[in-house]
Amino acid sequence: MGRLCEEPICILPCLNGGRCAAPYQCECPTGWTGTRCHSGKYVRVCHSGGCVCVVLICR
């Protein structure tokens, strides 16, 4: 895309705020992963004890 074809194209859109960084490759924001930024990265341990973590946010 672009006037000089300098912008990469991702046929399937990047999700959760990701951007198309190379042909068919999404660059994901913090907390997201996967080819389309569709999977959240989960923290396994919360330091407050007994909490539930969802996409890097402890509750």
N, C-alpha and C. Protein backbone atom coordinates (compact mmCIF):
# COMPACT_ATOMS: atom_id res chain seq x y z
N MET A 1 0.84 -1.18 0.00
CA MET A 1 0.00 0.00 0.00
C MET A 1 0.88 1.24 0.00
N GLY A 2 0.25 2.36 -0.11
CA GLY A 2 0.98 3.61 -0.12
C GLY A 2 1.32 4.02 -1.55
N ARG A 3 1.69 5.25 -1.71
CA ARG A 3 1.98 5.77 -3.04
C ARG A 3 3.10 5.01 -3.73
N LEU A 4 4.10 4.61 -2.95
CA LEU A 4 5.25 3.89 -3.50
C LEU A 4 5.29 2.43 -3.06
N CYS A 5 4.15 1.91 -2.64
CA CYS A 5 4.04 0.52 -2.15
C CYS A 5 4.98 0.27 -0.97
N GLU A 6 5.17 1.29 -0.12
CA GLU A 6 6.09 1.17 1.02
C GLU A 6 5.41 0.68 2.29
N GLU A 7 4.09 0.62 2.31
CA GLU A 7 3.36 0.18 3.51
C GLU A 7 3.00 -1.30 3.38
N PRO A 8 3.35 -2.12 4.40
CA PRO A 8 3.02 -3.54 4.34
C PRO A 8 1.51 -3.77 4.40
N ILE A 9 1.09 -4.89 3.88
CA ILE A 9 -0.33 -5.25 3.88
C ILE A 9 -0.52 -6.52 4.70
N CYS A 10 -1.46 -6.47 5.62
CA CYS A 10 -1.88 -7.66 6.37
C CYS A 10 -3.31 -7.95 5.93
N ILE A 11 -3.49 -9.01 5.16
CA ILE A 11 -4.81 -9.35 4.64
C ILE A 11 -5.81 -9.51 5.79
N LEU A 12 -5.44 -10.29 6.81
CA LEU A 12 -6.26 -10.39 8.02
C LEU A 12 -5.80 -9.28 8.96
N PRO A 13 -6.70 -8.46 9.45
CA PRO A 13 -6.29 -7.31 10.26
C PRO A 13 -5.65 -7.70 11.59
N CYS A 14 -4.72 -6.86 12.03
CA CYS A 14 -4.12 -7.03 13.36
C CYS A 14 -5.17 -6.62 14.39
N LEU A 15 -5.21 -7.30 15.51
CA LEU A 15 -6.21 -7.06 16.55
C LEU A 15 -5.60 -6.38 17.77
N ASN A 16 -6.44 -5.89 18.64
CA ASN A 16 -6.05 -5.35 19.95
C ASN A 16 -4.98 -4.27 19.87
N GLY A 17 -5.08 -3.41 18.88
CA GLY A 17 -4.14 -2.30 18.77
C GLY A 17 -2.85 -2.63 18.05
N GLY A 18 -2.75 -3.84 17.49
CA GLY A 18 -1.55 -4.22 16.74
C GLY A 18 -1.50 -3.48 15.41
N ARG A 19 -0.30 -3.42 14.83
CA ARG A 19 -0.16 -2.76 13.53
C ARG A 19 0.59 -3.69 12.57
N CYS A 20 0.30 -3.54 11.30
CA CYS A 20 0.94 -4.35 10.28
C CYS A 20 2.37 -3.84 10.10
N ALA A 21 3.36 -4.66 10.44
CA ALA A 21 4.77 -4.24 10.42
C ALA A 21 5.51 -4.75 9.19
N ALA A 22 5.08 -5.85 8.64
CA ALA A 22 5.68 -6.45 7.45
C ALA A 22 4.57 -7.24 6.78
N PRO A 23 4.74 -7.61 5.52
CA PRO A 23 3.67 -8.37 4.89
C PRO A 23 3.25 -9.57 5.74
N TYR A 24 1.98 -9.57 6.10
CA TYR A 24 1.37 -10.66 6.86
C TYR A 24 1.97 -10.85 8.26
N GLN A 25 2.54 -9.78 8.83
CA GLN A 25 3.15 -9.86 10.17
C GLN A 25 2.72 -8.66 11.01
N CYS A 26 2.04 -8.95 12.12
CA CYS A 26 1.58 -7.89 13.02
C CYS A 26 2.61 -7.61 14.11
N GLU A 27 2.71 -6.36 14.49
CA GLU A 27 3.51 -5.96 15.65
C GLU A 27 2.52 -5.67 16.76
N CYS A 28 2.62 -6.43 17.85
CA CYS A 28 1.61 -6.38 18.92
C CYS A 28 2.01 -5.42 20.03
N PRO A 29 1.02 -4.74 20.63
CA PRO A 29 1.30 -3.91 21.80
C PRO A 29 1.58 -4.80 23.02
N THR A 30 2.11 -4.20 24.05
CA THR A 30 2.41 -4.92 25.29
C THR A 30 1.17 -5.66 25.78
N GLY A 31 1.36 -6.90 26.15
CA GLY A 31 0.27 -7.71 26.69
C GLY A 31 -0.40 -8.61 25.67
N TRP A 32 -0.05 -8.47 24.38
CA TRP A 32 -0.67 -9.27 23.34
C TRP A 32 0.38 -9.98 22.51
N THR A 33 0.03 -11.13 21.98
CA THR A 33 0.94 -11.94 21.17
C THR A 33 0.14 -12.68 20.11
N GLY A 34 0.82 -13.40 19.26
CA GLY A 34 0.16 -14.17 18.21
C GLY A 34 0.32 -13.50 16.86
N THR A 35 0.03 -14.23 15.81
CA THR A 35 0.21 -13.70 14.46
C THR A 35 -0.65 -12.49 14.18
N ARG A 36 -1.79 -12.40 14.88
CA ARG A 36 -2.70 -11.26 14.69
C ARG A 36 -2.93 -10.49 15.99
N CYS A 37 -2.05 -10.69 16.98
CA CYS A 37 -2.19 -10.05 18.31
C CYS A 37 -3.51 -10.47 18.96
N HIS A 38 -3.87 -11.72 18.79
CA HIS A 38 -5.15 -12.22 19.27
C HIS A 38 -5.06 -12.93 20.62
N SER A 39 -3.86 -13.20 21.09
CA SER A 39 -3.70 -13.92 22.36
C SER A 39 -3.10 -13.02 23.42
N GLY A 40 -3.72 -12.99 24.59
CA GLY A 40 -3.20 -12.21 25.70
C GLY A 40 -2.08 -12.96 26.40
N LYS A 41 -1.08 -12.22 26.86
CA LYS A 41 -0.02 -12.81 27.67
C LYS A 41 -0.49 -12.74 29.11
N TYR A 42 -0.47 -13.84 29.80
CA TYR A 42 -0.98 -13.87 31.16
C TYR A 42 0.15 -13.97 32.16
N VAL A 43 0.03 -13.22 33.23
CA VAL A 43 0.96 -13.29 34.34
C VAL A 43 0.53 -14.45 35.22
N ARG A 44 1.46 -15.29 35.62
CA ARG A 44 1.10 -16.48 36.38
C ARG A 44 1.02 -16.23 37.89
N VAL A 45 1.77 -15.27 38.40
CA VAL A 45 1.81 -15.04 39.84
C VAL A 45 1.46 -13.59 40.14
N CYS A 46 0.53 -13.38 41.05
CA CYS A 46 0.22 -12.04 41.54
C CYS A 46 0.80 -11.91 42.93
N HIS A 47 1.41 -10.80 43.21
CA HIS A 47 2.07 -10.61 44.50
C HIS A 47 1.10 -10.26 45.62
N SER A 48 -0.12 -9.88 45.28
CA SER A 48 -1.09 -9.53 46.31
C SER A 48 -1.77 -10.77 46.90
N GLY A 49 -1.59 -11.91 46.26
CA GLY A 49 -2.14 -13.17 46.76
C GLY A 49 -3.61 -13.35 46.46
N GLY A 50 -3.98 -14.48 45.91
CA GLY A 50 -5.37 -14.82 45.67
C GLY A 50 -6.07 -13.98 44.62
N CYS A 51 -5.34 -13.42 43.69
CA CYS A 51 -5.98 -12.59 42.68
C CYS A 51 -6.04 -13.33 41.34
N VAL A 52 -6.77 -12.77 40.42
CA VAL A 52 -6.88 -13.32 39.07
C VAL A 52 -6.21 -12.34 38.12
N CYS A 53 -5.31 -12.84 37.27
CA CYS A 53 -4.61 -11.96 36.32
C CYS A 53 -5.19 -12.13 34.93
N VAL A 54 -5.48 -11.02 34.29
CA VAL A 54 -5.98 -11.02 32.93
C VAL A 54 -5.19 -10.00 32.13
N VAL A 55 -4.46 -10.44 31.13
CA VAL A 55 -3.66 -9.59 30.25
C VAL A 55 -2.85 -8.58 31.06
N LEU A 56 -1.99 -9.07 31.92
CA LEU A 56 -1.05 -8.27 32.71
C LEU A 56 -1.69 -7.35 33.74
N ILE A 57 -2.98 -7.50 34.01
CA ILE A 57 -3.63 -6.67 35.02
C ILE A 57 -4.12 -7.58 36.14
N CYS A 58 -3.61 -7.39 37.35
CA CYS A 58 -4.05 -8.20 38.49
C CYS A 58 -5.28 -7.57 39.12
N ARG A 59 -6.24 -8.42 39.43
CA ARG A 59 -7.47 -7.92 40.08
C ARG A 59 -7.75 -8.75 41.31
